[in-house]
PDB file of N, CA and C in Angstrom:
ATOM      1  N   UNK A   1      -8.416  24.320   1.088  1.00  0.00           N
ATOM      2  CA  UNK A   1     -10.000  24.803   0.808  1.00  0.00           C
ATOM      3  C   UNK A   1     -10.898  23.783   1.371  1.00  0.00           C
ATOM      4  N   UNK A   2     -10.748  22.540   1.283  1.00  0.00           N
ATOM      5  CA  UNK A   2     -11.705  21.591   1.774  1.00  0.00           C
ATOM      6  C   UNK A   2     -10.670  20.507   2.385  1.00  0.00           C
ATOM      7  N   UNK A   3     -11.275  19.913   3.418  1.00  0.00           N
ATOM      8  CA  UNK A   3     -10.535  18.579   3.986  1.00  0.00           C
ATOM      9  C   UNK A   3     -11.597  17.536   4.404  1.00  0.00           C
ATOM     10  N   UNK A   4     -11.114  16.354   3.967  1.00  0.00           N
ATOM     11  CA  UNK A   4     -11.979  15.058   4.091  1.00  0.00           C
ATOM     12  C   UNK A   4     -11.199  14.498   5.476  1.00  0.00           C
ATOM     13  N   UNK A   5     -12.257  13.896   6.175  1.00  0.00           N
ATOM     14  CA  UNK A   5     -11.702  13.262   7.551  1.00  0.00           C
ATOM     15  C   UNK A   5     -10.671  12.168   6.987  1.00  0.00           C
ATOM     16  N   UNK A   6      -9.476  12.323   7.487  1.00  0.00           N
ATOM     17  CA  UNK A   6      -8.340  11.216   7.066  1.00  0.00           C
ATOM     18  C   UNK A   6      -8.097  10.070   8.011  1.00  0.00           C
ATOM     19  N   UNK A   7      -8.880  10.058   9.045  1.00  0.00           N
ATOM     20  CA  UNK A   7      -8.611   8.952   9.909  1.00  0.00           C
ATOM     21  C   UNK A   7      -8.565   7.432   9.418  1.00  0.00           C
ATOM     22  N   UNK A   8      -9.666   7.153   8.434  1.00  0.00           N
ATOM     23  CA  UNK A   8      -9.612   5.731   7.860  1.00  0.00           C
ATOM     24  C   UNK A   8      -8.596   5.580   6.900  1.00  0.00           C
ATOM     25  N   UNK A   9      -8.124   6.701   6.338  1.00  0.00           N
ATOM     26  CA  UNK A   9      -6.893   6.633   5.356  1.00  0.00           C
ATOM     27  C   UNK A   9      -5.661   6.373   6.232  1.00  0.00           C
ATOM     28  N   UNK A  10      -5.523   6.962   7.379  1.00  0.00           N
ATOM     29  CA  UNK A  10      -4.242   6.957   7.946  1.00  0.00           C
ATOM     30  C   UNK A  10      -4.086   5.664   8.807  1.00  0.00           C
ATOM     31  N   UNK A  11      -5.402   4.980   8.901  1.00  0.00           N
ATOM     32  CA  UNK A  11      -5.296   3.416   9.633  1.00  0.00           C
ATOM     33  C   UNK A  11      -5.027   2.611   8.327  1.00  0.00           C
ATOM     34  N   UNK A  12      -5.551   2.933   7.276  1.00  0.00           N
ATOM     35  CA  UNK A  12      -5.153   2.198   6.056  1.00  0.00           C
ATOM     36  C   UNK A  12      -3.728   2.097   5.814  1.00  0.00           C
ATOM     37  N   UNK A  13      -3.202   3.450   6.010  1.00  0.00           N
ATOM     38  CA  UNK A  13      -1.678   3.460   5.656  1.00  0.00           C
ATOM     39  C   UNK A  13      -0.732   2.792   6.688  1.00  0.00           C
ATOM     40  N   UNK A  14      -1.141   3.000   7.984  1.00  0.00           N
ATOM     41  CA  UNK A  14      -0.237   2.144   9.062  1.00  0.00           C
ATOM     42  C   UNK A  14      -0.634   0.750   8.731  1.00  0.00           C
ATOM     43  N   UNK A  15      -1.828   0.421   8.558  1.00  0.00           N
ATOM     44  CA  UNK A  15      -1.887  -1.089   8.060  1.00  0.00           C
ATOM     45  C   UNK A  15      -1.008  -1.752   7.124  1.00  0.00           C
ATOM     46  N   UNK A  16      -0.829  -0.879   5.935  1.00  0.00           N
ATOM     47  CA  UNK A  16       0.010  -1.291   4.965  1.00  0.00           C
ATOM     48  C   UNK A  16       1.327  -1.290   5.267  1.00  0.00           C
ATOM     49  N   UNK A  17       1.766  -0.509   6.154  1.00  0.00           N
ATOM     50  CA  UNK A  17       3.120  -0.520   6.770  1.00  0.00           C
ATOM     51  C   UNK A  17       3.467  -1.810   7.565  1.00  0.00           C
ATOM     52  N   UNK A  18       2.290  -2.396   8.243  1.00  0.00           N
ATOM     53  CA  UNK A  18       2.596  -3.453   9.176  1.00  0.00           C
ATOM     54  C   UNK A  18       2.601  -4.613   7.923  1.00  0.00           C
ATOM     55  N   UNK A  19       1.805  -4.578   7.086  1.00  0.00           N
ATOM     56  CA  UNK A  19       1.706  -5.800   5.997  1.00  0.00           C
ATOM     57  C   UNK A  19       3.289  -5.805   5.323  1.00  0.00           C
ATOM     58  N   UNK A  20       3.828  -4.685   5.212  1.00  0.00           N
ATOM     59  CA  UNK A  20       5.102  -4.610   4.557  1.00  0.00           C
ATOM     60  C   UNK A  20       6.238  -5.343   5.364  1.00  0.00           C
ATOM     61  N   UNK A  21       6.110  -4.851   6.693  1.00  0.00           N
ATOM     62  CA  UNK A  21       6.948  -5.425   7.687  1.00  0.00           C
ATOM     63  C   UNK A  21       6.998  -7.052   7.997  1.00  0.00           C
ATOM     64  N   UNK A  22       5.584  -7.438   7.653  1.00  0.00           N
ATOM     65  CA  UNK A  22       5.390  -8.814   7.863  1.00  0.00           C
ATOM     66  C   UNK A  22       6.028  -9.604   6.561  1.00  0.00           C
ATOM     67  N   UNK A  23       5.708  -8.852   5.368  1.00  0.00           N
ATOM     68  CA  UNK A  23       6.077  -9.665   4.167  1.00  0.00           C
ATOM     69  C   UNK A  23       7.766  -9.546   4.122  1.00  0.00           C
ATOM     70  N   UNK A  24       8.316  -8.629   4.527  1.00  0.00           N
ATOM     71  CA  UNK A  24       9.823  -8.484   4.535  1.00  0.00           C
ATOM     72  C   UNK A  24      10.336  -9.647   5.538  1.00  0.00           C
ATOM     73  N   UNK A  25       9.800  -9.623   6.627  1.00  0.00           N
ATOM     74  CA  UNK A  25      10.283 -10.776   7.605  1.00  0.00           C
ATOM     75  C   UNK A  25      10.003 -12.227   6.972  1.00  0.00           C
ATOM     76  N   UNK A  26       8.979 -12.364   6.235  1.00  0.00           N
ATOM     77  CA  UNK A  26       8.674 -13.645   5.701  1.00  0.00           C
ATOM     78  C   UNK A  26       9.706 -13.842   4.493  1.00  0.00           C
ATOM     79  N   UNK A  27      10.058 -12.666   3.853  1.00  0.00           N
ATOM     80  CA  UNK A  27      11.051 -12.941   2.654  1.00  0.00           C
ATOM     81  C   UNK A  27      12.437 -13.264   3.227  1.00  0.00           C
ATOM     82  N   UNK A  28      12.734 -12.683   4.252  1.00  0.00           N
ATOM     83  CA  UNK A  28      14.118 -12.802   4.808  1.00  0.00           C
ATOM     84  C   UNK A  28      14.056 -14.196   5.334  1.00  0.00           C
ATOM     85  N   UNK A  29      13.263 -14.867   6.039  1.00  0.00           N
ATOM     86  CA  UNK A  29      13.369 -16.202   6.325  1.00  0.00           C
ATOM     87  C   UNK A  29      13.236 -17.207   5.245  1.00  0.00           C
ATOM     88  N   UNK A  30      12.494 -16.914   4.043  1.00  0.00           N
ATOM     89  CA  UNK A  30      12.487 -17.778   3.094  1.00  0.00           C
ATOM     90  C   UNK A  30      13.926 -17.753   2.308  1.00  0.00           C
ATOM     91  N   UNK A  31      14.660 -16.498   2.195  1.00  0.00           N
ATOM     92  CA  UNK A  31      15.915 -16.581   1.663  1.00  0.00           C
ATOM     93  C   UNK A  31      16.843 -17.305   2.335  1.00  0.00           C
ATOM     94  N   UNK A  32      16.691 -17.231   3.702  1.00  0.00           N
ATOM     95  CA  UNK A  32      17.764 -18.018   4.487  1.00  0.00           C
ATOM     96  C   UNK A  32      17.405 -19.539   4.248  1.00  0.00           C
ATOM     97  N   UNK A  33      16.345 -19.786   4.157  1.00  0.00           N
ATOM     98  CA  UNK A  33      15.998 -21.297   4.094  1.00  0.00           C
ATOM     99  C   UNK A  33      16.507 -21.818   2.720  1.00  0.00           C
ATOM    100  N   UNK A  34      16.218 -21.000   1.646  1.00  0.00           N
ATOM    101  CA  UNK A  34      16.821 -21.124   0.229  1.00  0.00           C
ATOM    102  C   UNK A  34      18.261 -21.464   0.148  1.00  0.00           C
ATOM    103  N   UNK A  35      18.989 -20.339   0.993  1.00  0.00           N
ATOM    104  CA  UNK A  35      20.522 -20.465   0.990  1.00  0.00           C
ATOM    105  C   UNK A  35      20.837 -21.728   1.555  1.00  0.00           C
ATOM    106  N   UNK A  36      20.222 -22.062   2.648  1.00  0.00           N
ATOM    107  CA  UNK A  36      20.492 -23.313   3.410  1.00  0.00           C
ATOM    108  C   UNK A  36      20.390 -24.568   2.491  1.00  0.00           C
ATOM    109  N   UNK A  37      19.041 -24.644   1.951  1.00  0.00           N
ATOM    110  CA  UNK A  37      18.856 -25.750   0.879  1.00  0.00           C
ATOM    111  C   UNK A  37      19.795 -25.774  -0.262  1.00  0.00           C
ATOM    112  N   UNK A  38      20.201 -24.574  -0.627  1.00  0.00           N
ATOM    113  CA  UNK A  38      21.004 -24.522  -1.897  1.00  0.00           C
ATOM    114  C   UNK A  38      22.343 -25.413  -1.781  1.00  0.00           C
ATOM    115  N   UNK A  39      22.968 -24.917  -0.378  1.00  0.00           N
ATOM    116  CA  UNK A  39      24.158 -25.641  -0.209  1.00  0.00           C
ATOM    117  C   UNK A  39      24.034 -27.104   0.201  1.00  0.00           C
ATOM    118  N   UNK A  40      22.866 -27.337   0.659  1.00  0.00           N
ATOM    119  CA  UNK A  40      22.568 -29.046   0.951  1.00  0.00           C
ATOM    120  C   UNK A  40      22.199 -29.652  -0.320  1.00  0.00           C
ATOM    121  N   UNK A  41      21.665 -29.109  -1.161  1.00  0.00           N
ATOM    122  CA  UNK A  41      21.020 -29.771  -2.562  1.00  0.00           C
ATOM    123  C   UNK A  41      22.428 -29.871  -3.293  1.00  0.00           C
ATOM    124  N   UNK A  42      23.349 -29.352  -3.157  1.00  0.00           N
ATOM    125  CA  UNK A  42      24.711 -29.804  -4.140  1.00  0.00           C
ATOM    126  C   UNK A  42      25.027 -31.081  -3.679  1.00  0.00           C
ATOM    127  N   UNK A  43      24.963 -31.400  -2.489  1.00  0.00           N
ATOM    128  CA  UNK A  43      25.415 -32.844  -2.124  1.00  0.00           C
ATOM    129  C   UNK A  43      24.356 -33.895  -1.849  1.00  0.00           C
ATOM    130  N   UNK A  44      23.141 -33.228  -2.512  1.00  0.00           N
ATOM    131  CA  UNK A  44      21.881 -34.307  -2.457  1.00  0.00           C
ATOM    132  C   UNK A  44      21.521 -34.681  -1.059  1.00  0.00           C
ATOM    133  N   UNK A  45      21.628 -33.801  -0.096  1.00  0.00           N
ATOM    134  CA  UNK A  45      21.108 -33.883   1.278  1.00  0.00           C
ATOM    135  C   UNK A  45      19.751 -33.401   1.360  1.00  0.00           C
ATOM    136  N   UNK A  46      19.157 -32.861   0.401  1.00  0.00           N
ATOM    137  CA  UNK A  46      17.903 -32.242   0.348  1.00  0.00           C
ATOM    138  C   UNK A  46      17.209 -32.783  -0.806  1.00  0.00           C
ATOM    139  N   UNK A  47      15.957 -33.327  -0.731  1.00  0.00           N
ATOM    140  CA  UNK A  47      15.294 -33.584  -1.902  1.00  0.00           C
ATOM    141  C   UNK A  47      14.900 -32.349  -2.949  1.00  0.00           C
ATOM    142  N   UNK A  48      15.176 -32.558  -4.234  1.00  0.00           N
ATOM    143  CA  UNK A  48      15.007 -31.703  -5.379  1.00  0.00           C
ATOM    144  C   UNK A  48      13.700 -30.936  -5.135  1.00  0.00           C
ATOM    145  N   UNK A  49      12.737 -31.626  -4.799  1.00  0.00           N
ATOM    146  CA  UNK A  49      11.366 -31.069  -4.482  1.00  0.00           C
ATOM    147  C   UNK A  49      11.380 -30.016  -3.453  1.00  0.00           C
ATOM    148  N   UNK A  50      11.927 -30.332  -2.282  1.00  0.00           N
ATOM    149  CA  UNK A  50      12.066 -29.515  -1.040  1.00  0.00           C
ATOM    150  C   UNK A  50      12.792 -28.204  -1.633  1.00  0.00           C
ATOM    151  N   UNK A  51      13.932 -28.318  -2.353  1.00  0.00           N
ATOM    152  CA  UNK A  51      14.636 -27.262  -2.662  1.00  0.00           C
ATOM    153  C   UNK A  51      13.842 -26.338  -3.754  1.00  0.00           C
ATOM    154  N   UNK A  52      13.197 -26.965  -4.676  1.00  0.00           N
ATOM    155  CA  UNK A  52      12.381 -26.215  -5.587  1.00  0.00           C
ATOM    156  C   UNK A  52      11.130 -25.646  -4.814  1.00  0.00           C
ATOM    157  N   UNK A  53      10.502 -26.030  -3.834  1.00  0.00           N
ATOM    158  CA  UNK A  53       9.682 -25.598  -2.891  1.00  0.00           C
ATOM    159  C   UNK A  53      10.192 -24.195  -2.177  1.00  0.00           C
ATOM    160  N   UNK A  54      11.307 -24.345  -1.737  1.00  0.00           N
ATOM    161  CA  UNK A  54      11.978 -23.262  -1.021  1.00  0.00           C
ATOM    162  C   UNK A  54      12.267 -22.108  -2.077  1.00  0.00           C
ATOM    163  N   UNK A  55      12.636 -22.425  -3.286  1.00  0.00           N
ATOM    164  CA  UNK A  55      12.804 -21.504  -4.373  1.00  0.00           C
ATOM    165  C   UNK A  55      11.632 -20.692  -4.706  1.00  0.00           C
ATOM    166  N   UNK A  56      10.605 -21.486  -4.879  1.00  0.00           N
ATOM    167  CA  UNK A  56       9.367 -20.667  -5.361  1.00  0.00           C
ATOM    168  C   UNK A  56       8.789 -19.846  -4.068  1.00  0.00           C
ATOM    169  N   UNK A  57       8.914 -20.440  -2.823  1.00  0.00           N
ATOM    170  CA  UNK A  57       8.697 -19.881  -1.704  1.00  0.00           C
ATOM    171  C   UNK A  57       9.160 -18.632  -1.491  1.00  0.00           C
ATOM    172  N   UNK A  58      10.525 -18.397  -1.806  1.00  0.00           N
ATOM    173  CA  UNK A  58      11.256 -17.412  -1.850  1.00  0.00           C
ATOM    174  C   UNK A  58      10.994 -16.184  -2.808  1.00  0.00           C
ATOM    175  N   UNK A  59      10.591 -16.705  -4.087  1.00  0.00           N
ATOM    176  CA  UNK A  59       9.931 -15.817  -5.050  1.00  0.00           C
ATOM    177  C   UNK A  59       8.698 -15.231  -4.761  1.00  0.00           C
ATOM    178  N   UNK A  60       7.875 -16.025  -4.144  1.00  0.00           N
ATOM    179  CA  UNK A  60       6.520 -15.550  -3.802  1.00  0.00           C
ATOM    180  C   UNK A  60       6.555 -14.616  -2.774  1.00  0.00           C
ATOM    181  N   UNK A  61       7.540 -14.697  -1.669  1.00  0.00           N
ATOM    182  CA  UNK A  61       7.704 -13.864  -0.515  1.00  0.00           C
ATOM    183  C   UNK A  61       8.391 -12.452  -1.139  1.00  0.00           C
ATOM    184  N   UNK A  62       9.165 -12.444  -2.185  1.00  0.00           N
ATOM    185  CA  UNK A  62       9.832 -11.381  -2.684  1.00  0.00           C
ATOM    186  C   UNK A  62       8.636 -10.523  -3.566  1.00  0.00           C
ATOM    187  N   UNK A  63       7.612 -11.345  -4.018  1.00  0.00           N
ATOM    188  CA  UNK A  63       6.554 -10.635  -4.692  1.00  0.00           C
ATOM    189  C   UNK A  63       5.598  -9.986  -3.856  1.00  0.00           C
ATOM    190  N   UNK A  64       5.212 -10.666  -2.577  1.00  0.00           N
ATOM    191  CA  UNK A  64       4.529 -10.056  -1.621  1.00  0.00           C
ATOM    192  C   UNK A  64       5.085  -8.571  -1.139  1.00  0.00           C
ATOM    193  N   UNK A  65       6.513  -8.632  -1.039  1.00  0.00           N
ATOM    194  CA  UNK A  65       7.087  -7.368  -0.702  1.00  0.00           C
ATOM    195  C   UNK A  65       6.917  -6.305  -1.491  1.00  0.00           C
ATOM    196  N   UNK A  66       6.864  -6.519  -2.717  1.00  0.00           N
ATOM    197  CA  UNK A  66       6.589  -5.599  -3.888  1.00  0.00           C
ATOM    198  C   UNK A  66       5.221  -5.172  -3.705  1.00  0.00           C
ATOM    199  N   UNK A  67       4.345  -6.136  -3.615  1.00  0.00           N
ATOM    200  CA  UNK A  67       2.987  -5.812  -3.341  1.00  0.00           C
ATOM    201  C   UNK A  67       2.467  -4.980  -2.253  1.00  0.00           C
ATOM    202  N   UNK A  68       3.274  -5.287  -1.012  1.00  0.00           N
ATOM    203  CA  UNK A  68       2.971  -4.394   0.065  1.00  0.00           C
ATOM    204  C   UNK A  68       3.492  -2.902  -0.114  1.00  0.00           C
ATOM    205  N   UNK A  69       4.718  -2.809  -0.824  1.00  0.00           N
ATOM    206  CA  UNK A  69       5.220  -1.528  -1.261  1.00  0.00           C
ATOM    207  C   UNK A  69       4.097  -0.799  -2.044  1.00  0.00           C
ATOM    208  N   UNK A  70       3.530  -1.271  -2.904  1.00  0.00           N
ATOM    209  CA  UNK A  70       2.752  -0.687  -3.807  1.00  0.00           C
ATOM    210  C   UNK A  70       1.379  -0.218  -3.092  1.00  0.00           C
ATOM    211  N   UNK A  71       1.079  -1.226  -1.975  1.00  0.00           N
ATOM    212  CA  UNK A  71      -0.168  -0.847  -1.334  1.00  0.00           C
ATOM    213  C   UNK A  71       0.134   0.422  -0.488  1.00  0.00           C
ATOM    214  N   UNK A  72       1.333   0.356   0.201  1.00  0.00           N
ATOM    215  CA  UNK A  72       1.907   1.750   0.815  1.00  0.00           C
ATOM    216  C   UNK A  72       1.664   3.079  -0.058  1.00  0.00           C
ATOM    217  N   UNK A  73       2.229   2.904  -1.330  1.00  0.00           N
ATOM    218  CA  UNK A  73       2.088   4.027  -2.010  1.00  0.00           C
ATOM    219  C   UNK A  73       0.730   4.438  -2.422  1.00  0.00           C
ATOM    220  N   UNK A  74      -0.194   3.455  -2.594  1.00  0.00           N
ATOM    221  CA  UNK A  74      -1.439   3.556  -2.915  1.00  0.00           C
ATOM    222  C   UNK A  74      -2.243   4.354  -1.743  1.00  0.00           C
ATOM    223  N   UNK A  75      -1.870   4.052  -0.681  1.00  0.00           N
ATOM    224  CA  UNK A  75      -2.626   4.454   0.585  1.00  0.00           C
ATOM    225  C   UNK A  75      -2.089   5.802   0.911  1.00  0.00           C
ATOM    226  N   UNK A  76      -0.850   6.149   0.568  1.00  0.00           N
ATOM    227  CA  UNK A  76      -0.228   7.328   0.741  1.00  0.00           C
ATOM    228  C   UNK A  76      -0.898   8.436  -0.114  1.00  0.00           C
ATOM    229  N   UNK A  77      -1.100   7.998  -1.455  1.00  0.00           N
ATOM    230  CA  UNK A  77      -1.866   8.733  -2.434  1.00  0.00           C
ATOM    231  C   UNK A  77      -3.312   9.258  -1.878  1.00  0.00           C
ATOM    232  N   UNK A  78      -4.124   8.123  -1.495  1.00  0.00           N
ATOM    233  CA  UNK A  78      -5.403   8.370  -0.947  1.00  0.00           C
ATOM    234  C   UNK A  78      -5.244   9.310   0.265  1.00  0.00           C
ATOM    235  N   UNK A  79      -4.283   9.086   1.080  1.00  0.00           N
ATOM    236  CA  UNK A  79      -4.188  10.055   2.119  1.00  0.00           C
ATOM    237  C   UNK A  79      -3.919  11.620   1.557  1.00  0.00           C
ATOM    238  N   UNK A  80      -3.299  11.770   0.679  1.00  0.00           N
ATOM    239  CA  UNK A  80      -2.958  13.269  -0.079  1.00  0.00           C
ATOM    240  C   UNK A  80      -4.189  13.678  -0.543  1.00  0.00           C
ATOM    241  N   UNK A  81      -5.036  12.789  -1.028  1.00  0.00           N
ATOM    242  CA  UNK A  81      -6.584  13.290  -1.597  1.00  0.00           C
ATOM    243  C   UNK A  81      -7.420  13.845  -0.517  1.00  0.00           C
ATOM    244  N   UNK A  82      -7.076  13.719   0.726  1.00  0.00           N
ATOM    245  CA  UNK A  82      -7.926  14.131   1.671  1.00  0.00           C
ATOM    246  C   UNK A  82      -7.946  15.555   1.965  1.00  0.00           C
ATOM    247  N   UNK A  83      -6.966  16.412   1.317  1.00  0.00           N
ATOM    248  CA  UNK A  83      -6.984  17.734   1.239  1.00  0.00           C
ATOM    249  C   UNK A  83      -7.005  18.351  -0.158  1.00  0.00           C
ATOM    250  N   UNK A  84      -8.186  19.003  -0.211  1.00  0.00           N
ATOM    251  CA  UNK A  84      -8.591  19.577  -1.399  1.00  0.00           C
ATOM    252  C   UNK A  84      -8.131  20.963  -1.701  1.00  0.00           C
ATOM    253  N   UNK A  85      -7.332  21.309  -2.345  1.00  0.00           N
ATOM    254  CA  UNK A  85      -6.658  22.747  -2.449  1.00  0.00           C
ATOM    255  C   UNK A  85      -6.879  23.072  -3.965  1.00  0.00           C
ATOM    256  N   UNK A  86      -6.919  24.416  -4.251  1.00  0.00           N
ATOM    257  CA  UNK A  86      -6.946  25.102  -5.312  1.00  0.00           C
ATOM    258  C   UNK A  86      -5.749  25.502  -5.955  1.00  0.00           C
ATOM    259  N   UNK A  87      -5.563  25.149  -7.397  1.00  0.00           N
ATOM    260  CA  UNK A  87      -4.300  25.621  -8.014  1.00  0.00           C
ATOM    261  C   UNK A  87      -4.115  27.106  -8.229  1.00  0.00           C
ATOM    262  N   UNK A  88      -5.304  27.963  -7.895  1.00  0.00           N
ATOM    263  CA  UNK A  88      -5.123  29.259  -8.026  1.00  0.00           C
ATOM    264  C   UNK A  88      -5.535  30.097  -6.838  1.00  0.00           C
ATOM    265  N   UNK A  89      -5.502  31.447  -6.699  1.00  0.00           N
ATOM    266  CA  UNK A  89      -6.024  32.091  -5.743  1.00  0.00           C
ATOM    267  C   UNK A  89      -7.174  33.026  -6.243  1.00  0.00           C
ATOM    268  N   UNK A  90      -7.708  33.609  -5.564  1.00  0.00           N
ATOM    269  CA  UNK A  90      -8.865  34.417  -5.742  1.00  0.00           C
ATOM    270  C   UNK A  90      -9.999  34.364  -4.599  1.00  0.00           C
ATOM    271  N   UNK A  91     -11.202  34.819  -5.128  1.00  0.00           N
ATOM    272  CA  UNK A  91     -12.396  34.747  -4.155  1.00  0.00           C
ATOM    273  C   UNK A  91     -13.292  33.738  -4.642  1.00  0.00           C
ATOM    274  N   UNK A  92     -14.115  32.964  -3.701  1.00  0.00           N
ATOM    275  CA  UNK A  92     -14.921  31.861  -4.213  1.00  0.00           C
ATOM    276  C   UNK A  92     -16.316  32.286  -3.817  1.00  0.00           C
ATOM    277  N   UNK A  93     -17.070  31.757  -4.619  1.00  0.00           N
ATOM    278  CA  UNK A  93     -18.599  31.693  -4.420  1.00  0.00           C
ATOM    279  C   UNK A  93     -19.088  31.276  -3.167  1.00  0.00           C
ATOM    280  N   UNK A  94     -20.087  31.485  -2.516  1.00  0.00           N
ATOM    281  CA  UNK A  94     -20.622  30.825  -1.506  1.00  0.00           C
ATOM    282  C   UNK A  94     -20.689  29.314  -1.752  1.00  0.00           C
ATOM    283  N   UNK A  95     -20.332  28.577  -0.821  1.00  0.00           N
ATOM    284  CA  UNK A  95     -20.399  27.256  -0.792  1.00  0.00           C
ATOM    285  C   UNK A  95     -21.594  26.394  -1.219  1.00  0.00           C
ATOM    286  N   UNK A  96     -21.610  25.496  -1.980  1.00  0.00           N
ATOM    287  CA  UNK A  96     -22.891  24.733  -2.265  1.00  0.00           C
ATOM    288  C   UNK A  96     -23.032  23.733  -1.690  1.00  0.00           C
ATOM    289  N   UNK A  97     -22.284  23.193  -0.757  1.00  0.00           N
ATOM    290  CA  UNK A  97     -22.370  22.165   0.333  1.00  0.00           C
ATOM    291  C   UNK A  97     -22.049  22.614   1.768  1.00  0.00           C
ATOM    292  N   UNK A  98     -22.784  22.131   2.711  1.00  0.00           N
ATOM    293  CA  UNK A  98     -22.623  22.610   3.990  1.00  0.00           C
ATOM    294  C   UNK A  98     -21.695  21.479   4.779  1.00  0.00           C
ATOM    295  N   UNK A  99     -21.213  21.951   5.838  1.00  0.00           N
ATOM    296  CA  UNK A  99     -20.246  21.166   6.426  1.00  0.00           C
ATOM    297  C   UNK A  99     -20.984  19.908   6.977  1.00  0.00           C
ATOM    298  N   UNK A 100     -20.413  18.628   6.685  1.00  0.00           N
ATOM    299  CA  UNK A 100     -21.027  17.256   6.960  1.00  0.00           C
ATOM    300  C   UNK A 100     -21.710  16.885   5.933  1.00  0.00           C
ATOM    301  N   UNK A 101     -21.845  17.470   4.789  1.00  0.00           N
ATOM    302  CA  UNK A 101     -22.564  16.742   3.628  1.00  0.00           C
ATOM    303  C   UNK A 101     -21.689  15.791   3.040  1.00  0.00           C
ATOM    304  N   UNK A 102     -22.411  14.709   2.604  1.00  0.00           N
ATOM    305  CA  UNK A 102     -21.684  13.747   1.916  1.00  0.00           C
ATOM    306  C   UNK A 102     -21.241  14.072   0.458  1.00  0.00           C
ATOM    307  N   UNK A 103     -20.018  14.057   0.229  1.00  0.00           N
ATOM    308  CA  UNK A 103     -19.477  14.385  -1.269  1.00  0.00           C
ATOM    309  C   UNK A 103     -18.813  13.109  -1.890  1.00  0.00           C
ATOM    310  N   UNK A 104     -19.147  12.959  -3.057  1.00  0.00           N
ATOM    311  CA  UNK A 104     -18.433  11.623  -3.605  1.00  0.00           C
ATOM    312  C   UNK A 104     -17.738  12.240  -4.769  1.00  0.00           C
ATOM    313  N   UNK A 105     -16.637  11.416  -5.354  1.00  0.00           N
ATOM    314  CA  UNK A 105     -15.877  11.528  -6.556  1.00  0.00           C
ATOM    315  C   UNK A 105     -16.922  11.713  -7.586  1.00  0.00           C
ATOM    316  N   UNK A 106     -16.708  12.394  -8.840  1.00  0.00           N
ATOM    317  CA  UNK A 106     -17.471  12.506 -10.012  1.00  0.00           C
ATOM    318  C   UNK A 106     -19.001  13.112  -9.743  1.00  0.00           C
ATOM    319  N   UNK A 107     -19.225  13.701  -8.773  1.00  0.00           N
ATOM    320  CA  UNK A 107     -20.558  14.152  -8.517  1.00  0.00           C
ATOM    321  C   UNK A 107     -20.746  15.375  -9.396  1.00  0.00           C
ATOM    322  N   UNK A 108     -21.986  15.610  -9.859  1.00  0.00           N
ATOM    323  CA  UNK A 108     -22.427  16.614 -10.673  1.00  0.00           C
ATOM    324  C   UNK A 108     -22.278  17.917 -10.012  1.00  0.00           C
ATOM    325  N   UNK A 109     -22.776  18.142  -8.841  1.00  0.00           N
ATOM    326  CA  UNK A 109     -22.718  19.425  -8.034  1.00  0.00           C
ATOM    327  C   UNK A 109     -21.353  19.919  -7.626  1.00  0.00           C
ATOM    328  N   UNK A 110     -21.070  21.176  -8.010  1.00  0.00           N
ATOM    329  CA  UNK A 110     -19.582  21.600  -7.507  1.00  0.00           C
ATOM    330  C   UNK A 110     -19.654  22.059  -6.012  1.00  0.00           C
ATOM    331  N   UNK A 111     -18.518  21.765  -5.559  1.00  0.00           N
ATOM    332  CA  UNK A 111     -18.485  22.282  -4.181  1.00  0.00           C
ATOM    333  C   UNK A 111     -18.334  23.788  -4.244  1.00  0.00           C
ATOM    334  N   UNK A 112     -17.833  24.607  -4.969  1.00  0.00           N
ATOM    335  CA  UNK A 112     -17.842  25.823  -4.962  1.00  0.00           C
ATOM    336  C   UNK A 112     -17.296  26.376  -6.306  1.00  0.00           C
ATOM    337  N   UNK A 113     -17.027  27.554  -6.799  1.00  0.00           N
ATOM    338  CA  UNK A 113     -16.641  28.366  -8.015  1.00  0.00           C
ATOM    339  C   UNK A 113     -15.680  29.408  -7.609  1.00  0.00           C
ATOM    340  N   UNK A 114     -14.526  29.191  -8.068  1.00  0.00           N
ATOM    341  CA  UNK A 114     -13.494  30.494  -7.847  1.00  0.00           C
ATOM    342  C   UNK A 114     -13.632  31.469  -9.076  1.00  0.00           C
TER     343      UNK A 114
END
């Protein structure tokens, strides 16, 4: 029935995908570093502080991956909201808004009545 310009939402979605790829790459390198430090820490070749820092960096990177995945879901939902459809069929009254009019969420004026 109505469609909102989705260009900015598409760009946000693609940006979120890029952020996920960066955070996944960072998580991978921190896991590799942690694995290396874990084997060296057993023989005391690495200071405990360095091992602890690698452990926390790995945990932080994993949290960033989760956050990036949530951002993708959020932007995907926003992208879906750019198409306004009716849950029923029928005739509608003349539109109360004209093409190009600024519409906001929660506004008092209805777009149309079915």
